[in-house]
Amino acid sequence: MRMALVGRHERMSAQRAFELGMISQIVDPPEQLREAAQELAEKIARNSPAAMAATKRALWGAFELGLTDACKAGARELVSMWGHPDQSEGPLAFAEKRAPNWLAPEPG
């Protein structure tokens, strides 16, 4: 609320934003930002594309819905993954100490 009301008249440091949970990482020196972003993108890319698509739908939907409806929509996205081949592929790949072979997500 403070940031919305005070706006550009008061700046917040990266450290304070980190303490408040508004950002998850501080990259210092700033020249390493591209490398840090690449590492994060590679971690995300190792996950199931179908699960990542469902997660993004749930999170973006939460911005448009009230808390109750957002929770219901998120639960629907979670349930939509039940029985998906990636659900068993992840633990199996882990047990076999290999990279998972994820299915491509459905278009749309």
N, C-alpha and C. Protein backbone atom coordinates (compact mmCIF):
# COMPACT_ATOMS: atom_id res chain seq x y z
N MET A 1 0.84 -1.18 0.00
CA MET A 1 0.00 0.00 0.00
C MET A 1 0.88 1.25 0.00
N ARG A 2 1.93 1.20 0.82
CA ARG A 2 2.82 2.36 0.90
C ARG A 2 3.43 2.68 -0.45
N MET A 3 3.91 1.66 -1.13
CA MET A 3 4.55 1.88 -2.43
C MET A 3 3.55 2.46 -3.42
N ALA A 4 2.32 1.97 -3.40
CA ALA A 4 1.32 2.46 -4.34
C ALA A 4 0.97 3.92 -4.08
N LEU A 5 0.90 4.30 -2.80
CA LEU A 5 0.51 5.66 -2.46
C LEU A 5 1.66 6.67 -2.56
N VAL A 6 2.87 6.26 -2.21
CA VAL A 6 4.00 7.18 -2.22
C VAL A 6 4.62 7.24 -3.62
N GLY A 7 4.59 6.13 -4.34
CA GLY A 7 5.09 6.10 -5.71
C GLY A 7 6.56 6.46 -5.83
N ARG A 8 6.86 7.26 -6.82
CA ARG A 8 8.24 7.59 -7.15
C ARG A 8 8.91 8.50 -6.12
N HIS A 9 8.15 8.97 -5.16
CA HIS A 9 8.71 9.89 -4.16
C HIS A 9 9.51 9.18 -3.08
N GLU A 10 9.49 7.87 -3.11
CA GLU A 10 10.25 7.10 -2.13
C GLU A 10 10.74 5.82 -2.80
N ARG A 11 12.02 5.62 -2.80
CA ARG A 11 12.60 4.43 -3.44
C ARG A 11 12.90 3.38 -2.38
N MET A 12 12.81 2.12 -2.78
CA MET A 12 13.12 1.00 -1.90
C MET A 12 14.39 0.34 -2.40
N SER A 13 15.27 0.00 -1.49
CA SER A 13 16.50 -0.67 -1.89
C SER A 13 16.20 -2.12 -2.27
N ALA A 14 17.10 -2.69 -3.05
CA ALA A 14 16.96 -4.11 -3.42
C ALA A 14 16.99 -4.97 -2.17
N GLN A 15 17.82 -4.63 -1.21
CA GLN A 15 17.92 -5.41 0.03
C GLN A 15 16.59 -5.41 0.77
N ARG A 16 15.93 -4.23 0.86
CA ARG A 16 14.64 -4.15 1.56
C ARG A 16 13.57 -4.94 0.81
N ALA A 17 13.57 -4.86 -0.52
CA ALA A 17 12.62 -5.63 -1.32
C ALA A 17 12.83 -7.13 -1.12
N PHE A 18 14.08 -7.53 -0.99
CA PHE A 18 14.41 -8.94 -0.72
C PHE A 18 13.88 -9.35 0.65
N GLU A 19 14.10 -8.51 1.65
CA GLU A 19 13.63 -8.80 3.01
C GLU A 19 12.11 -8.94 3.07
N LEU A 20 11.40 -8.17 2.26
CA LEU A 20 9.94 -8.22 2.24
C LEU A 20 9.39 -9.35 1.37
N GLY A 21 10.27 -10.04 0.67
CA GLY A 21 9.84 -11.13 -0.19
C GLY A 21 9.33 -10.67 -1.54
N MET A 22 9.61 -9.43 -1.89
CA MET A 22 9.15 -8.91 -3.18
C MET A 22 10.04 -9.38 -4.33
N ILE A 23 11.27 -9.70 -4.02
CA ILE A 23 12.20 -10.26 -5.00
C ILE A 23 12.85 -11.48 -4.36
N SER A 24 13.29 -12.41 -5.18
CA SER A 24 13.83 -13.66 -4.64
C SER A 24 15.35 -13.73 -4.67
N GLN A 25 15.98 -12.80 -5.37
CA GLN A 25 17.43 -12.86 -5.49
C GLN A 25 17.98 -11.48 -5.81
N ILE A 26 19.12 -11.17 -5.23
CA ILE A 26 19.84 -9.96 -5.58
C ILE A 26 21.11 -10.40 -6.30
N VAL A 27 21.31 -9.86 -7.48
CA VAL A 27 22.49 -10.22 -8.28
C VAL A 27 23.49 -9.08 -8.15
N ASP A 28 24.66 -9.42 -7.63
CA ASP A 28 25.71 -8.42 -7.44
C ASP A 28 27.05 -9.05 -7.79
N PRO A 29 27.75 -8.55 -8.73
CA PRO A 29 27.54 -7.30 -9.44
C PRO A 29 26.45 -7.43 -10.50
N PRO A 30 25.81 -6.31 -10.86
CA PRO A 30 24.71 -6.32 -11.82
C PRO A 30 25.10 -6.93 -13.17
N GLU A 31 26.37 -6.91 -13.51
CA GLU A 31 26.81 -7.48 -14.79
C GLU A 31 26.54 -8.99 -14.86
N GLN A 32 26.28 -9.62 -13.74
CA GLN A 32 26.02 -11.07 -13.73
C GLN A 32 24.53 -11.39 -13.84
N LEU A 33 23.70 -10.36 -14.09
CA LEU A 33 22.25 -10.57 -14.16
C LEU A 33 21.87 -11.53 -15.27
N ARG A 34 22.43 -11.36 -16.45
CA ARG A 34 22.08 -12.25 -17.57
C ARG A 34 22.43 -13.70 -17.25
N GLU A 35 23.59 -13.92 -16.64
CA GLU A 35 24.01 -15.28 -16.26
C GLU A 35 23.06 -15.86 -15.22
N ALA A 36 22.68 -15.06 -14.23
CA ALA A 36 21.76 -15.53 -13.19
C ALA A 36 20.39 -15.86 -13.79
N ALA A 37 19.92 -15.03 -14.72
CA ALA A 37 18.63 -15.28 -15.38
C ALA A 37 18.70 -16.56 -16.21
N GLN A 38 19.82 -16.78 -16.89
CA GLN A 38 19.99 -17.99 -17.69
C GLN A 38 19.95 -19.24 -16.81
N GLU A 39 20.63 -19.19 -15.68
CA GLU A 39 20.64 -20.33 -14.75
C GLU A 39 19.22 -20.63 -14.26
N LEU A 40 18.46 -19.59 -13.93
CA LEU A 40 17.08 -19.79 -13.47
C LEU A 40 16.22 -20.38 -14.59
N ALA A 41 16.37 -19.86 -15.79
CA ALA A 41 15.61 -20.36 -16.94
C ALA A 41 15.92 -21.84 -17.19
N GLU A 42 17.18 -22.23 -17.05
CA GLU A 42 17.56 -23.62 -17.26
C GLU A 42 16.95 -24.52 -16.20
N LYS A 43 16.87 -24.05 -14.95
CA LYS A 43 16.22 -24.84 -13.89
C LYS A 43 14.75 -25.04 -14.21
N ILE A 44 14.08 -23.98 -14.62
CA ILE A 44 12.65 -24.07 -14.96
C ILE A 44 12.45 -25.01 -16.15
N ALA A 45 13.33 -24.92 -17.14
CA ALA A 45 13.20 -25.73 -18.35
C ALA A 45 13.36 -27.23 -18.08
N ARG A 46 13.97 -27.59 -16.96
CA ARG A 46 14.14 -29.01 -16.62
C ARG A 46 12.85 -29.61 -16.06
N ASN A 47 11.87 -28.79 -15.74
CA ASN A 47 10.60 -29.28 -15.19
C ASN A 47 9.66 -29.73 -16.30
N SER A 48 8.62 -30.44 -15.92
CA SER A 48 7.61 -30.90 -16.87
C SER A 48 6.95 -29.70 -17.54
N PRO A 49 6.99 -29.63 -18.88
CA PRO A 49 6.32 -28.52 -19.57
C PRO A 49 4.82 -28.47 -19.27
N ALA A 50 4.18 -29.63 -19.16
CA ALA A 50 2.74 -29.65 -18.86
C ALA A 50 2.48 -29.09 -17.47
N ALA A 51 3.31 -29.47 -16.50
CA ALA A 51 3.14 -28.96 -15.14
C ALA A 51 3.43 -27.47 -15.07
N MET A 52 4.43 -27.00 -15.82
CA MET A 52 4.75 -25.58 -15.82
C MET A 52 3.62 -24.77 -16.45
N ALA A 53 3.00 -25.31 -17.51
CA ALA A 53 1.87 -24.62 -18.15
C ALA A 53 0.69 -24.53 -17.17
N ALA A 54 0.40 -25.62 -16.46
CA ALA A 54 -0.69 -25.61 -15.48
C ALA A 54 -0.39 -24.64 -14.35
N THR A 55 0.84 -24.61 -13.91
CA THR A 55 1.23 -23.69 -12.84
C THR A 55 1.06 -22.24 -13.28
N LYS A 56 1.50 -21.92 -14.48
CA LYS A 56 1.36 -20.55 -14.98
C LYS A 56 -0.11 -20.17 -15.12
N ARG A 57 -0.94 -21.09 -15.62
CA ARG A 57 -2.38 -20.78 -15.73
C ARG A 57 -2.96 -20.48 -14.36
N ALA A 58 -2.59 -21.29 -13.36
CA ALA A 58 -3.12 -21.09 -12.01
C ALA A 58 -2.66 -19.76 -11.43
N LEU A 59 -1.39 -19.43 -11.58
CA LEU A 59 -0.86 -18.19 -11.01
C LEU A 59 -1.41 -16.96 -11.71
N TRP A 60 -1.43 -16.96 -13.04
CA TRP A 60 -1.97 -15.80 -13.76
C TRP A 60 -3.46 -15.65 -13.47
N GLY A 61 -4.16 -16.77 -13.37
CA GLY A 61 -5.59 -16.71 -13.05
C GLY A 61 -5.84 -16.11 -11.68
N ALA A 62 -4.93 -16.35 -10.75
CA ALA A 62 -5.09 -15.84 -9.38
C ALA A 62 -5.07 -14.32 -9.35
N PHE A 63 -4.40 -13.69 -10.31
CA PHE A 63 -4.38 -12.23 -10.35
C PHE A 63 -5.75 -11.66 -10.70
N GLU A 64 -6.54 -12.45 -11.41
CA GLU A 64 -7.83 -11.96 -11.89
C GLU A 64 -9.00 -12.38 -11.02
N LEU A 65 -8.77 -13.27 -10.08
CA LEU A 65 -9.86 -13.82 -9.26
C LEU A 65 -9.70 -13.42 -7.80
N GLY A 66 -10.77 -13.53 -7.05
CA GLY A 66 -10.67 -13.38 -5.60
C GLY A 66 -9.98 -14.60 -5.01
N LEU A 67 -9.65 -14.54 -3.73
CA LEU A 67 -8.91 -15.62 -3.09
C LEU A 67 -9.62 -16.97 -3.20
N THR A 68 -10.90 -17.00 -2.92
CA THR A 68 -11.63 -18.28 -2.95
C THR A 68 -11.64 -18.87 -4.36
N ASP A 69 -11.97 -18.04 -5.35
CA ASP A 69 -12.00 -18.54 -6.73
C ASP A 69 -10.61 -18.91 -7.23
N ALA A 70 -9.60 -18.16 -6.81
CA ALA A 70 -8.22 -18.48 -7.21
C ALA A 70 -7.80 -19.84 -6.63
N CYS A 71 -8.17 -20.10 -5.39
CA CYS A 71 -7.84 -21.40 -4.78
C CYS A 71 -8.54 -22.54 -5.51
N LYS A 72 -9.80 -22.33 -5.87
CA LYS A 72 -10.54 -23.35 -6.61
C LYS A 72 -9.92 -23.60 -7.98
N ALA A 73 -9.56 -22.52 -8.67
CA ALA A 73 -8.95 -22.66 -9.99
C ALA A 73 -7.59 -23.34 -9.89
N GLY A 74 -6.81 -22.99 -8.88
CA GLY A 74 -5.52 -23.64 -8.68
C GLY A 74 -5.68 -25.12 -8.41
N ALA A 75 -6.69 -25.47 -7.63
CA ALA A 75 -6.95 -26.89 -7.34
C ALA A 75 -7.33 -27.62 -8.63
N ARG A 76 -8.11 -26.97 -9.49
CA ARG A 76 -8.47 -27.61 -10.77
C ARG A 76 -7.23 -27.86 -11.63
N GLU A 77 -6.31 -26.90 -11.63
CA GLU A 77 -5.07 -27.09 -12.40
C GLU A 77 -4.26 -28.25 -11.84
N LEU A 78 -4.19 -28.34 -10.52
CA LEU A 78 -3.45 -29.44 -9.88
C LEU A 78 -4.09 -30.78 -10.24
N VAL A 79 -5.40 -30.86 -10.12
CA VAL A 79 -6.11 -32.10 -10.43
C VAL A 79 -5.95 -32.47 -11.91
N SER A 80 -5.84 -31.45 -12.76
CA SER A 80 -5.68 -31.73 -14.20
C SER A 80 -4.39 -32.49 -14.49
N MET A 81 -3.44 -32.43 -13.59
CA MET A 81 -2.17 -33.12 -13.78
C MET A 81 -2.20 -34.56 -13.26
N TRP A 82 -3.22 -34.91 -12.49
CA TRP A 82 -3.30 -36.27 -11.96
C TRP A 82 -3.45 -37.25 -13.12
N GLY A 83 -2.63 -38.25 -13.12
CA GLY A 83 -2.68 -39.26 -14.17
C GLY A 83 -1.89 -38.88 -15.41
N HIS A 84 -1.36 -37.66 -15.46
CA HIS A 84 -0.54 -37.25 -16.60
C HIS A 84 0.76 -38.08 -16.56
N PRO A 85 1.24 -38.52 -17.71
CA PRO A 85 2.46 -39.33 -17.72
C PRO A 85 3.65 -38.67 -17.02
N ASP A 86 3.74 -37.34 -17.04
CA ASP A 86 4.85 -36.67 -16.37
C ASP A 86 4.81 -36.87 -14.86
N GLN A 87 3.63 -37.16 -14.31
CA GLN A 87 3.50 -37.36 -12.87
C GLN A 87 4.31 -38.58 -12.40
N SER A 88 4.36 -39.60 -13.21
CA SER A 88 5.16 -40.78 -12.84
C SER A 88 6.58 -40.71 -13.42
N GLU A 89 6.74 -39.97 -14.52
CA GLU A 89 8.06 -39.88 -15.15
C GLU A 89 9.07 -39.18 -14.25
N GLY A 90 8.66 -38.15 -13.54
CA GLY A 90 9.59 -37.42 -12.68
C GLY A 90 10.21 -38.31 -11.60
N PRO A 91 9.40 -38.96 -10.77
CA PRO A 91 9.97 -39.83 -9.74
C PRO A 91 10.76 -41.02 -10.32
N LEU A 92 10.28 -41.55 -11.46
CA LEU A 92 10.98 -42.68 -12.07
C LEU A 92 12.37 -42.24 -12.56
N ALA A 93 12.44 -41.09 -13.21
CA ALA A 93 13.73 -40.59 -13.69
C ALA A 93 14.66 -40.33 -12.51
N PHE A 94 14.13 -39.79 -11.44
CA PHE A 94 14.94 -39.53 -10.24
C PHE A 94 15.51 -40.85 -9.70
N ALA A 95 14.64 -41.86 -9.59
CA ALA A 95 15.08 -43.15 -9.05
C ALA A 95 16.12 -43.81 -9.95
N GLU A 96 15.96 -43.60 -11.25
CA GLU A 96 16.91 -44.19 -12.21
C GLU A 96 18.11 -43.30 -12.48
N LYS A 97 18.18 -42.17 -11.77
CA LYS A 97 19.31 -41.23 -11.89
C LYS A 97 19.55 -40.81 -13.34
N ARG A 98 18.47 -40.37 -13.99
CA ARG A 98 18.55 -39.90 -15.37
C ARG A 98 17.68 -38.66 -15.52
N ALA A 99 17.87 -37.96 -16.61
CA ALA A 99 17.03 -36.80 -16.91
C ALA A 99 15.64 -37.29 -17.31
N PRO A 100 14.60 -36.60 -16.88
CA PRO A 100 13.25 -37.03 -17.25
C PRO A 100 12.95 -36.77 -18.73
N ASN A 101 12.10 -37.59 -19.29
CA ASN A 101 11.63 -37.44 -20.67
C ASN A 101 10.20 -36.92 -20.61
N TRP A 102 10.06 -35.59 -20.51
CA TRP A 102 8.74 -34.99 -20.38
C TRP A 102 8.00 -35.01 -21.70
N LEU A 103 6.67 -35.06 -21.63
CA LEU A 103 5.84 -34.91 -22.82
C LEU A 103 5.68 -33.44 -23.13
N ALA A 104 5.48 -33.13 -24.39
CA ALA A 104 5.22 -31.75 -24.79
C ALA A 104 3.83 -31.37 -24.27
N PRO A 105 3.66 -30.12 -23.82
CA PRO A 105 2.35 -29.72 -23.32
C PRO A 105 1.34 -29.62 -24.46
N GLU A 106 0.08 -29.78 -24.12
CA GLU A 106 -1.01 -29.63 -25.09
C GLU A 106 -1.08 -28.17 -25.51
N PRO A 107 -1.30 -27.89 -26.79
CA PRO A 107 -1.42 -26.48 -27.22
C PRO A 107 -2.63 -25.83 -26.55
N GLY A 108 -2.48 -24.53 -26.30
CA GLY A 108 -3.61 -23.78 -25.75
C GLY A 108 -3.43 -23.55 -24.34
